[in-house]
N, C-alpha and C. Protein backbone atom coordinates (compact mmCIF):
# COMPACT_ATOMS: atom_id res chain seq x y z
N MET A 1 -4.10 -10.91 15.21
CA MET A 1 -3.84 -10.50 13.70
C MET A 1 -2.44 -9.64 13.75
N GLY A 2 -1.83 -9.42 14.82
CA GLY A 2 -0.66 -8.25 14.98
C GLY A 2 0.44 -9.08 15.09
N THR A 3 1.99 -8.62 14.84
CA THR A 3 3.22 -9.05 15.07
C THR A 3 3.08 -9.59 16.46
N ALA A 4 4.04 -10.66 16.57
CA ALA A 4 3.82 -11.40 18.04
C ALA A 4 4.95 -10.42 18.83
N ALA A 5 5.27 -10.00 20.04
CA ALA A 5 6.07 -9.43 20.53
C ALA A 5 7.53 -10.00 20.78
N ASP A 6 7.51 -11.51 20.54
CA ASP A 6 8.94 -11.93 20.40
C ASP A 6 9.53 -11.82 18.87
N ALA A 7 8.39 -11.76 17.81
CA ALA A 7 8.72 -11.53 16.67
C ALA A 7 9.62 -10.31 16.67
N GLY A 8 8.88 -9.28 17.07
CA GLY A 8 8.84 -7.80 17.24
C GLY A 8 10.59 -7.59 18.00
N GLN A 9 11.01 -8.43 18.89
CA GLN A 9 12.14 -7.94 19.60
C GLN A 9 13.42 -8.49 18.42
N LEU A 10 13.07 -9.76 17.65
CA LEU A 10 13.97 -10.01 16.89
C LEU A 10 14.05 -9.02 15.55
N MET A 11 12.65 -8.84 15.14
CA MET A 11 12.60 -7.66 13.95
C MET A 11 13.65 -6.40 14.44
N THR A 12 13.24 -5.91 15.65
CA THR A 12 14.22 -4.57 15.84
C THR A 12 15.45 -4.97 16.06
N MET A 13 16.28 -6.22 16.36
CA MET A 13 17.55 -6.64 16.39
C MET A 13 17.89 -6.36 15.03
N LEU A 14 17.22 -7.11 14.00
CA LEU A 14 17.83 -6.94 12.47
C LEU A 14 18.01 -5.54 11.95
N LEU A 15 16.76 -4.72 12.34
CA LEU A 15 17.23 -3.51 12.00
C LEU A 15 18.33 -2.66 12.31
N LYS A 16 18.40 -2.88 13.62
CA LYS A 16 19.77 -2.52 14.04
C LYS A 16 21.09 -2.96 13.21
N LEU A 17 21.13 -4.45 13.32
CA LEU A 17 22.00 -5.02 12.61
C LEU A 17 22.20 -4.77 11.25
N VAL A 18 21.60 -4.63 10.31
CA VAL A 18 21.74 -3.40 9.11
C VAL A 18 22.13 -2.56 8.79
N ASP A 19 21.54 -1.69 10.02
CA ASP A 19 21.82 -0.12 10.34
C ASP A 19 20.60 0.20 9.39
N ALA A 20 19.32 -0.27 9.44
CA ALA A 20 18.10 0.35 8.57
C ALA A 20 17.93 1.71 8.59
N LYS A 21 17.67 2.26 7.19
CA LYS A 21 17.26 3.83 7.39
C LYS A 21 16.24 3.89 6.47
N LYS A 22 16.26 3.08 5.61
CA LYS A 22 14.94 3.27 4.44
C LYS A 22 14.21 1.61 4.50
N THR A 23 13.13 1.71 4.64
CA THR A 23 12.58 0.53 4.60
C THR A 23 11.16 0.34 4.06
N ILE A 24 10.70 -0.76 4.13
CA ILE A 24 9.50 -0.69 3.59
C ILE A 24 8.48 -1.71 4.10
N GLU A 25 7.13 -1.78 4.31
CA GLU A 25 6.44 -2.68 4.97
C GLU A 25 4.89 -2.95 4.40
N VAL A 26 4.89 -3.94 3.82
CA VAL A 26 3.77 -4.39 3.40
C VAL A 26 2.63 -4.94 4.09
N GLY A 27 1.33 -4.32 4.38
CA GLY A 27 0.64 -4.99 5.40
C GLY A 27 0.78 -4.24 6.61
N VAL A 28 0.11 -3.37 7.10
CA VAL A 28 0.43 -2.62 8.57
C VAL A 28 -0.68 -2.98 9.51
N PHE A 29 -1.48 -3.21 9.38
CA PHE A 29 -3.05 -3.21 10.43
C PHE A 29 -3.16 -2.26 11.18
N THR A 30 -2.51 -2.54 12.72
CA THR A 30 -2.64 -1.45 13.37
C THR A 30 -1.41 -0.69 13.87
N GLY A 31 -0.31 -1.52 13.16
CA GLY A 31 0.77 -0.73 13.05
C GLY A 31 1.85 -0.82 14.36
N TYR A 32 1.88 -1.97 14.83
CA TYR A 32 2.52 -2.53 15.79
C TYR A 32 4.02 -2.99 15.46
N SER A 33 4.30 -3.44 14.39
CA SER A 33 5.74 -3.81 13.59
C SER A 33 6.19 -2.27 13.16
N LEU A 34 5.00 -1.40 12.61
CA LEU A 34 5.32 -0.07 12.10
C LEU A 34 5.96 0.22 13.01
N LEU A 35 5.39 0.73 14.10
CA LEU A 35 5.86 1.31 15.23
C LEU A 35 7.37 1.09 15.65
N LEU A 36 7.61 -0.27 15.93
CA LEU A 36 8.69 -0.89 16.25
C LEU A 36 9.88 -0.36 15.58
N THR A 37 9.33 -0.71 13.89
CA THR A 37 10.56 0.04 12.72
C THR A 37 10.74 1.58 13.08
N ALA A 38 9.82 2.03 13.16
CA ALA A 38 10.06 3.50 13.06
C ALA A 38 10.88 4.32 14.75
N LEU A 39 10.78 3.32 15.41
CA LEU A 39 11.35 3.25 16.90
C LEU A 39 12.81 3.06 16.57
N THR A 40 12.93 1.94 15.98
CA THR A 40 14.60 1.50 15.66
C THR A 40 15.33 2.48 14.83
N ILE A 41 14.80 2.90 13.76
CA ILE A 41 15.42 3.53 12.50
C ILE A 41 15.78 4.93 13.08
N PRO A 42 16.98 5.44 12.50
CA PRO A 42 17.29 6.72 13.03
C PRO A 42 16.32 7.83 12.84
N GLU A 43 16.57 9.08 13.25
CA GLU A 43 15.57 10.00 13.50
C GLU A 43 15.47 10.28 11.75
N ASP A 44 16.33 10.44 10.86
CA ASP A 44 16.22 10.61 9.55
C ASP A 44 15.66 9.46 8.77
N GLY A 45 15.35 8.31 9.24
CA GLY A 45 14.98 7.36 8.75
C GLY A 45 13.69 7.35 8.18
N LYS A 46 13.25 6.33 7.01
CA LYS A 46 12.07 6.46 6.54
C LYS A 46 11.43 5.22 6.34
N ILE A 47 10.05 5.31 6.33
CA ILE A 47 9.34 4.03 6.21
C ILE A 47 8.23 3.95 5.25
N ILE A 48 7.83 3.34 3.97
CA ILE A 48 7.07 3.29 2.96
C ILE A 48 5.97 2.35 3.94
N ALA A 49 4.77 2.61 4.22
CA ALA A 49 4.00 1.84 4.77
C ALA A 49 2.67 1.57 4.07
N ILE A 50 2.54 0.34 3.40
CA ILE A 50 1.34 -0.13 2.39
C ILE A 50 0.40 -0.88 3.17
N ASP A 51 -0.98 -0.57 3.09
CA ASP A 51 -2.19 -1.26 3.58
C ASP A 51 -3.27 -0.80 3.16
N MET A 52 -4.13 -1.45 2.27
CA MET A 52 -5.49 -1.22 1.88
C MET A 52 -6.29 -0.67 2.81
N ASN A 53 -6.16 -0.46 4.28
CA ASN A 53 -7.31 -0.32 5.32
C ASN A 53 -6.77 0.97 5.81
N ARG A 54 -6.71 2.04 5.83
CA ARG A 54 -6.83 3.05 6.79
C ARG A 54 -7.11 3.28 7.78
N ASP A 55 -8.35 2.50 8.09
CA ASP A 55 -8.81 2.74 9.21
C ASP A 55 -8.13 1.83 10.29
N SER A 56 -7.71 1.12 10.05
CA SER A 56 -6.71 0.09 10.81
C SER A 56 -5.60 0.58 11.24
N TYR A 57 -4.97 1.22 10.31
CA TYR A 57 -3.79 2.10 10.62
C TYR A 57 -4.21 2.93 11.71
N GLU A 58 -5.37 3.61 11.31
CA GLU A 58 -5.34 4.56 12.30
C GLU A 58 -5.78 4.40 13.82
N ILE A 59 -6.01 3.19 14.10
CA ILE A 59 -6.17 2.61 15.31
C ILE A 59 -4.90 2.82 16.10
N GLY A 60 -3.87 2.71 15.59
CA GLY A 60 -2.55 2.45 16.10
C GLY A 60 -1.78 3.93 15.92
N LEU A 61 -2.35 4.82 15.16
CA LEU A 61 -1.75 6.22 14.67
C LEU A 61 -1.50 6.99 16.12
N PRO A 62 -2.41 7.28 17.10
CA PRO A 62 -2.39 7.82 18.13
C PRO A 62 -1.01 7.31 18.97
N VAL A 63 -0.87 6.12 18.99
CA VAL A 63 0.41 5.70 19.40
C VAL A 63 1.59 5.87 19.17
N ILE A 64 1.67 6.04 17.73
CA ILE A 64 2.93 6.19 16.69
C ILE A 64 3.24 7.82 17.02
N LYS A 65 2.14 8.38 17.13
CA LYS A 65 2.23 9.85 17.19
C LYS A 65 2.85 10.22 18.72
N ARG A 66 2.07 9.90 19.68
CA ARG A 66 2.79 9.91 20.98
C ARG A 66 3.91 9.58 21.01
N ALA A 67 4.45 8.47 20.44
CA ALA A 67 6.03 8.25 20.46
C ALA A 67 6.98 9.16 19.53
N GLY A 68 6.54 9.96 18.78
CA GLY A 68 7.03 10.95 17.98
C GLY A 68 7.89 10.62 17.13
N VAL A 69 7.20 9.47 16.09
CA VAL A 69 7.88 8.85 15.08
C VAL A 69 7.12 8.77 13.91
N ASP A 70 5.82 9.63 13.92
CA ASP A 70 4.93 9.38 12.74
C ASP A 70 5.59 10.06 11.47
N HIS A 71 6.35 11.15 11.87
CA HIS A 71 7.42 11.76 10.58
C HIS A 71 8.16 11.33 9.81
N LYS A 72 8.31 9.52 10.55
CA LYS A 72 9.43 8.76 9.66
C LYS A 72 8.22 8.25 8.63
N ILE A 73 7.16 8.21 8.90
CA ILE A 73 5.98 7.13 7.84
C ILE A 73 5.35 7.99 6.71
N ASP A 74 4.98 7.07 5.51
CA ASP A 74 4.75 7.43 4.51
C ASP A 74 3.80 6.19 4.49
N PHE A 75 2.66 7.04 4.86
CA PHE A 75 1.14 5.62 4.83
C PHE A 75 0.77 5.80 3.37
N ARG A 76 0.35 4.40 2.67
CA ARG A 76 -0.03 4.67 1.28
C ARG A 76 -1.07 3.69 1.33
N GLU A 77 -2.64 3.96 1.56
CA GLU A 77 -3.55 3.34 1.35
C GLU A 77 -3.66 2.73 0.02
N ALA A 78 -3.32 1.73 0.00
CA ALA A 78 -3.41 1.11 -1.68
C ALA A 78 -3.26 -0.56 -1.66
N GLU A 79 -3.26 -1.04 -2.52
CA GLU A 79 -3.17 -2.71 -2.92
C GLU A 79 -1.53 -2.52 -2.94
N ALA A 80 -0.82 -3.52 -2.50
CA ALA A 80 0.79 -3.36 -2.44
C ALA A 80 1.37 -3.57 -3.79
N LEU A 81 0.76 -4.40 -4.57
CA LEU A 81 1.83 -4.38 -5.90
C LEU A 81 1.58 -3.64 -6.77
N PRO A 82 0.76 -2.66 -6.89
CA PRO A 82 0.88 -1.49 -7.86
C PRO A 82 1.63 -0.19 -7.06
N VAL A 83 1.85 -0.43 -5.52
CA VAL A 83 2.52 0.52 -5.12
C VAL A 83 4.18 0.26 -5.18
N LEU A 84 4.67 -1.08 -5.38
CA LEU A 84 5.88 -1.81 -5.40
C LEU A 84 6.21 -1.36 -6.86
N ASP A 85 5.32 -1.83 -7.80
CA ASP A 85 5.56 -1.27 -9.29
C ASP A 85 5.77 0.14 -9.39
N GLN A 86 5.13 1.06 -8.89
CA GLN A 86 5.24 2.66 -9.10
C GLN A 86 6.98 2.69 -8.35
N LEU A 87 7.28 2.20 -7.31
CA LEU A 87 8.43 2.23 -6.68
C LEU A 87 9.35 1.75 -7.55
N LEU A 88 9.51 0.88 -8.36
CA LEU A 88 10.37 0.20 -9.24
C LEU A 88 10.76 1.15 -10.62
N LYS A 89 9.53 1.93 -11.03
CA LYS A 89 9.57 2.77 -11.90
C LYS A 89 10.85 3.61 -11.79
N ASP A 90 11.09 4.24 -10.58
CA ASP A 90 12.10 5.06 -10.18
C ASP A 90 13.28 4.43 -10.05
N LYS A 91 14.08 4.24 -10.93
CA LYS A 91 15.46 3.42 -11.03
C LYS A 91 16.30 3.67 -9.78
N GLU A 92 16.11 5.31 -9.19
CA GLU A 92 16.69 5.24 -7.66
C GLU A 92 16.50 4.63 -6.81
N ASN A 93 15.01 3.87 -6.86
CA ASN A 93 14.71 3.05 -5.96
C ASN A 93 15.22 1.84 -5.66
N GLU A 94 15.56 1.47 -7.04
CA GLU A 94 16.39 -0.02 -6.99
C GLU A 94 17.39 -0.43 -6.26
N GLY A 95 17.57 -1.20 -5.39
CA GLY A 95 18.79 -1.78 -4.43
C GLY A 95 18.85 -0.47 -3.41
N SER A 96 17.97 0.53 -2.96
CA SER A 96 17.94 1.43 -2.10
C SER A 96 17.48 1.30 -0.51
N PHE A 97 16.67 0.08 -0.60
CA PHE A 97 16.10 -0.10 0.79
C PHE A 97 16.63 -1.11 1.52
N ASP A 98 17.15 -0.93 2.86
CA ASP A 98 17.72 -1.68 3.81
C ASP A 98 16.77 -2.72 4.49
N TYR A 99 15.62 -2.76 4.35
CA TYR A 99 14.82 -3.77 5.29
C TYR A 99 13.60 -3.51 4.84
N ALA A 100 12.81 -4.81 4.61
CA ALA A 100 11.46 -4.79 4.22
C ALA A 100 10.50 -6.08 5.35
N PHE A 101 9.40 -5.49 5.69
CA PHE A 101 8.71 -6.61 6.23
C PHE A 101 7.55 -6.81 5.69
N VAL A 102 7.02 -7.75 5.57
CA VAL A 102 5.72 -8.40 4.76
C VAL A 102 4.87 -9.38 5.82
N ASP A 103 3.45 -8.68 5.95
CA ASP A 103 2.45 -9.52 6.54
C ASP A 103 1.16 -9.25 5.95
N ALA A 104 1.00 -9.55 4.61
CA ALA A 104 -0.05 -9.64 4.04
C ALA A 104 -0.86 -10.54 3.61
N ASP A 105 -1.36 -10.54 2.32
CA ASP A 105 -2.54 -11.83 1.56
C ASP A 105 -1.13 -12.64 1.11
N LYS A 106 -1.22 -13.66 1.91
CA LYS A 106 -0.20 -14.81 1.95
C LYS A 106 -0.29 -15.09 0.42
N VAL A 107 -1.28 -15.21 -0.61
CA VAL A 107 -1.16 -15.70 -2.04
C VAL A 107 -0.20 -14.87 -2.94
N ASN A 108 0.07 -13.30 -2.39
CA ASN A 108 1.26 -12.32 -3.21
C ASN A 108 2.51 -12.68 -2.84
N TYR A 109 2.54 -13.20 -1.62
CA TYR A 109 4.02 -13.67 -0.60
C TYR A 109 4.86 -13.46 -2.00
N TRP A 110 4.91 -14.36 -2.97
CA TRP A 110 5.90 -14.14 -3.95
C TRP A 110 6.06 -13.55 -4.89
N ASN A 111 4.92 -12.89 -5.31
CA ASN A 111 4.95 -11.56 -6.23
C ASN A 111 5.63 -10.47 -5.48
N TYR A 112 5.15 -10.44 -3.77
CA TYR A 112 5.99 -9.26 -3.10
C TYR A 112 7.76 -9.71 -3.16
N HIS A 113 7.73 -10.84 -2.66
CA HIS A 113 9.64 -11.27 -2.77
C HIS A 113 10.06 -10.49 -4.17
N GLU A 114 9.72 -11.09 -5.12
CA GLU A 114 10.42 -10.54 -6.58
C GLU A 114 10.53 -9.11 -6.70
N MET A 115 9.62 -8.32 -6.49
CA MET A 115 9.39 -6.91 -6.32
C MET A 115 10.65 -6.59 -5.42
N LEU A 116 10.46 -6.78 -4.11
CA LEU A 116 11.41 -6.42 -3.19
C LEU A 116 12.93 -6.85 -3.29
N MET A 117 13.11 -7.74 -3.73
CA MET A 117 14.34 -8.09 -4.26
C MET A 117 14.75 -7.19 -5.12
N LYS A 118 14.13 -6.66 -6.01
CA LYS A 118 14.77 -5.59 -6.86
C LYS A 118 14.76 -4.15 -6.17
N LEU A 119 14.31 -4.00 -4.80
CA LEU A 119 14.25 -2.79 -4.21
C LEU A 119 15.26 -2.69 -3.35
N LEU A 120 15.75 -3.84 -2.50
CA LEU A 120 16.16 -4.05 -1.22
C LEU A 120 18.01 -4.40 -1.97
N LYS A 121 18.78 -3.40 -0.94
CA LYS A 121 20.42 -3.48 -1.31
C LYS A 121 20.97 -4.82 -0.87
N VAL A 122 22.00 -5.18 -1.75
CA VAL A 122 22.65 -6.46 -1.31
C VAL A 122 22.96 -6.39 0.31
N GLY A 123 22.58 -7.19 0.70
CA GLY A 123 23.18 -7.30 2.33
C GLY A 123 21.62 -7.06 3.61
N GLY A 124 20.56 -6.30 2.95
CA GLY A 124 19.29 -5.81 3.18
C GLY A 124 18.42 -7.32 3.68
N VAL A 125 17.55 -7.00 4.60
CA VAL A 125 16.68 -8.04 4.92
C VAL A 125 15.13 -8.07 4.63
N ILE A 126 14.55 -8.69 4.72
CA ILE A 126 13.35 -8.88 4.29
C ILE A 126 12.86 -10.09 5.42
N VAL A 127 11.74 -9.81 6.09
CA VAL A 127 11.10 -10.41 7.33
C VAL A 127 9.58 -10.93 6.80
N TYR A 128 9.16 -12.01 6.49
CA TYR A 128 7.93 -12.54 6.35
C TYR A 128 7.32 -13.04 7.51
N ASP A 129 5.80 -12.69 7.70
CA ASP A 129 5.70 -13.19 8.72
C ASP A 129 4.47 -14.59 8.43
N ASN A 130 3.94 -14.99 9.44
CA ASN A 130 3.14 -16.52 9.24
C ASN A 130 3.45 -17.37 8.54
N THR A 131 4.86 -17.68 8.29
CA THR A 131 5.16 -18.71 7.64
C THR A 131 5.02 -20.17 8.23
N LEU A 132 4.70 -19.97 9.21
CA LEU A 132 3.85 -21.19 9.87
C LEU A 132 2.67 -21.40 9.68
N TRP A 133 2.22 -20.54 9.34
CA TRP A 133 0.53 -20.62 9.13
C TRP A 133 -0.02 -21.36 10.27
N GLY A 134 -0.03 -21.01 11.41
CA GLY A 134 -0.62 -21.92 12.62
C GLY A 134 -0.11 -23.27 12.80
N GLY A 135 1.15 -23.60 12.11
CA GLY A 135 1.49 -24.80 12.24
C GLY A 135 0.82 -25.94 11.09
N SER A 136 -0.19 -25.30 10.31
CA SER A 136 -0.42 -26.20 9.21
C SER A 136 0.58 -26.39 8.08
N VAL A 137 1.40 -25.68 7.91
CA VAL A 137 2.52 -26.07 6.76
C VAL A 137 3.20 -27.36 7.22
N ALA A 138 3.04 -27.83 8.64
CA ALA A 138 3.75 -29.13 8.97
C ALA A 138 2.89 -30.18 9.19
N MET A 139 1.26 -29.91 8.69
CA MET A 139 0.12 -31.09 9.18
C MET A 139 -0.07 -31.56 7.76
N PRO A 140 -0.37 -32.79 7.67
CA PRO A 140 -1.23 -33.56 6.72
C PRO A 140 -2.35 -32.37 6.41
N GLU A 141 -2.46 -32.45 5.18
CA GLU A 141 -3.89 -31.69 4.92
C GLU A 141 -4.97 -31.89 5.39
N GLU A 142 -5.59 -33.58 5.43
CA GLU A 142 -6.45 -33.51 6.09
C GLU A 142 -6.89 -33.42 7.80
N GLN A 143 -5.73 -33.07 8.11
CA GLN A 143 -5.50 -32.79 9.75
C GLN A 143 -5.52 -31.19 9.99
N THR A 144 -5.49 -30.44 8.89
CA THR A 144 -5.39 -29.08 8.82
C THR A 144 -6.68 -28.60 9.33
N PRO A 145 -6.70 -28.02 10.72
CA PRO A 145 -8.01 -27.21 10.77
C PRO A 145 -8.57 -26.21 9.73
N GLU A 146 -10.10 -26.05 9.60
CA GLU A 146 -10.53 -25.65 8.40
C GLU A 146 -10.20 -23.94 8.54
N VAL A 147 -10.03 -23.51 9.65
CA VAL A 147 -9.32 -21.72 9.38
C VAL A 147 -7.76 -21.41 8.73
N PHE A 148 -6.88 -22.72 8.68
CA PHE A 148 -5.85 -22.72 8.02
C PHE A 148 -6.09 -22.79 6.61
N LYS A 149 -7.07 -24.03 6.53
CA LYS A 149 -6.89 -24.30 4.77
C LYS A 149 -6.57 -23.48 3.60
N SER A 150 -7.58 -22.31 3.91
CA SER A 150 -7.48 -21.24 2.54
C SER A 150 -6.20 -20.78 2.59
N ASP A 151 -5.29 -20.33 3.49
CA ASP A 151 -3.90 -19.98 3.03
C ASP A 151 -2.67 -21.19 3.01
N ARG A 152 -2.94 -22.16 3.09
CA ARG A 152 -2.27 -23.26 3.78
C ARG A 152 -1.35 -23.48 2.47
N GLN A 153 -1.88 -23.75 1.13
CA GLN A 153 -1.12 -24.13 0.28
C GLN A 153 -0.21 -23.04 -0.26
N ALA A 154 -1.00 -21.87 -0.19
CA ALA A 154 0.00 -20.71 -0.66
C ALA A 154 1.16 -20.27 0.18
N THR A 155 1.06 -20.60 1.23
CA THR A 155 1.86 -20.68 2.45
C THR A 155 3.28 -21.92 2.36
N LEU A 156 2.86 -22.70 1.70
CA LEU A 156 3.58 -23.93 1.61
C LEU A 156 4.62 -23.74 0.36
N GLU A 157 3.64 -23.52 -0.82
CA GLU A 157 4.60 -23.01 -1.89
C GLU A 157 5.42 -21.87 -1.87
N PHE A 158 5.07 -20.95 -0.97
CA PHE A 158 6.30 -19.68 -0.88
C PHE A 158 7.20 -20.17 -0.05
N ASN A 159 7.33 -21.05 0.81
CA ASN A 159 8.48 -21.55 1.86
C ASN A 159 9.08 -22.43 0.78
N LYS A 160 8.33 -23.14 -0.30
CA LYS A 160 9.46 -23.82 -1.01
C LYS A 160 10.32 -22.97 -2.07
N LEU A 161 9.33 -22.01 -2.76
CA LEU A 161 10.06 -21.10 -3.52
C LEU A 161 11.41 -20.55 -2.86
N LEU A 162 11.21 -19.89 -1.36
CA LEU A 162 11.94 -19.22 -0.78
C LEU A 162 13.47 -20.28 -0.61
N ALA A 163 12.90 -21.62 -0.53
CA ALA A 163 14.22 -22.48 0.20
C ALA A 163 15.21 -22.55 -1.11
N GLY A 164 14.40 -22.56 -2.14
CA GLY A 164 15.12 -22.72 -3.83
C GLY A 164 15.78 -21.27 -4.12
N ASP A 165 15.53 -20.08 -3.48
CA ASP A 165 16.07 -18.91 -4.26
C ASP A 165 17.45 -18.63 -3.85
N PRO A 166 18.38 -18.79 -4.82
CA PRO A 166 19.52 -18.67 -4.63
C PRO A 166 20.35 -17.54 -4.17
N ARG A 167 19.36 -16.04 -3.84
CA ARG A 167 19.85 -14.95 -4.14
C ARG A 167 19.40 -14.53 -2.77
N VAL A 168 19.43 -15.66 -1.59
CA VAL A 168 18.64 -15.28 -0.15
C VAL A 168 19.54 -16.02 0.64
N GLN A 169 19.82 -15.61 1.79
CA GLN A 169 20.43 -16.25 2.70
C GLN A 169 19.23 -16.15 3.92
N LEU A 170 18.47 -17.86 4.16
CA LEU A 170 17.33 -17.91 4.86
C LEU A 170 17.40 -18.59 5.99
N SER A 171 16.58 -17.96 6.66
CA SER A 171 16.55 -18.45 8.07
C SER A 171 14.62 -18.49 8.70
N HIS A 172 14.18 -19.84 8.76
CA HIS A 172 12.86 -19.93 9.19
C HIS A 172 12.64 -19.79 10.62
N VAL A 173 12.28 -18.85 11.53
CA VAL A 173 12.26 -18.94 12.72
C VAL A 173 10.79 -19.08 13.56
N PRO A 174 10.72 -20.12 14.15
CA PRO A 174 9.53 -20.39 15.14
C PRO A 174 9.15 -19.40 16.05
N LEU A 175 9.03 -18.01 16.00
CA LEU A 175 8.32 -16.98 16.57
C LEU A 175 6.96 -16.68 16.35
N GLY A 176 6.35 -16.44 17.19
CA GLY A 176 4.67 -16.19 16.71
C GLY A 176 4.39 -17.14 15.94
N ASP A 177 3.81 -16.61 14.77
CA ASP A 177 3.20 -17.67 13.64
C ASP A 177 4.17 -18.21 12.59
N GLY A 178 5.62 -17.89 12.93
CA GLY A 178 6.53 -18.42 11.94
C GLY A 178 7.20 -17.14 11.42
N ILE A 179 8.21 -16.62 11.54
CA ILE A 179 8.89 -15.52 10.51
C ILE A 179 10.09 -16.29 9.67
N THR A 180 10.03 -15.77 8.57
CA THR A 180 11.12 -15.80 7.89
C THR A 180 12.09 -15.03 7.68
N VAL A 181 13.21 -15.11 7.64
CA VAL A 181 14.33 -13.84 7.47
C VAL A 181 15.13 -14.39 6.29
N CYS A 182 15.14 -13.30 5.34
CA CYS A 182 15.99 -13.28 4.07
C CYS A 182 16.91 -12.55 4.14
N ARG A 183 18.17 -12.66 3.61
CA ARG A 183 19.40 -11.61 3.60
C ARG A 183 19.62 -11.90 2.25
N ARG A 184 19.55 -10.57 1.61
CA ARG A 184 19.76 -10.51 -0.33
C ARG A 184 21.37 -10.84 -0.02
N ILE A 185 21.91 -11.71 -0.84
CA ILE A 185 23.19 -11.78 -1.09
C ILE A 185 23.73 -11.49 -2.23
N TYR A 186 22.99 -11.28 -3.31
CA TYR A 186 23.21 -10.84 -4.41
C TYR A 186 22.07 -10.23 -5.44
């Protein structure tokens, strides 16, 4: 369930390319991608990390602390949509984030996208994980393994919506379970 190592390498490069300092992560699990982000951003960088399960986050927290980057993380145990909504209520947050990573409930990816687009600065990057969903997005429905059927349609719809979003430059990368990189162009 964690981010694939090859996808993580690309994410760290993207963080450096956009000179990310202020980031947000929706869906943390045990914190591998969070650790990569914290290690990559500058010493005074900040990450708002949102997950509904603090127990999973705390599994990886000792590694994050040992790496000396826990001070960069503002962990919020909550559903993501209310936290993003709260961030948007502060007008200073609009257009202030350099980077976002989303690996959460697939059915809400488009809702996250709409909110993150308001928080992300022009030129900033959002990375969405699991956008190939086990390859099921390229399979006929009847050949899709049962384990992938629940979120297959939501992932397909999200991919189509992203492809039609004129606000982003898009690259679908076949690393891990598929990551989609979106650069905000306006």
